[in-house]
């Protein structure tokens, strides 16, 4: 049960982290091209 909860936590974290990377990437691209 504990492992399942931990797994779900890391999965959600990596998911949001990936989204942040995407947003930051687009932001940096805009800064460079503009």
Foldseek 3Di string as FASTA:
>chain_A
DVVVVVVVVVVVVVVVVVVVVVVVVVVVVVVVVD
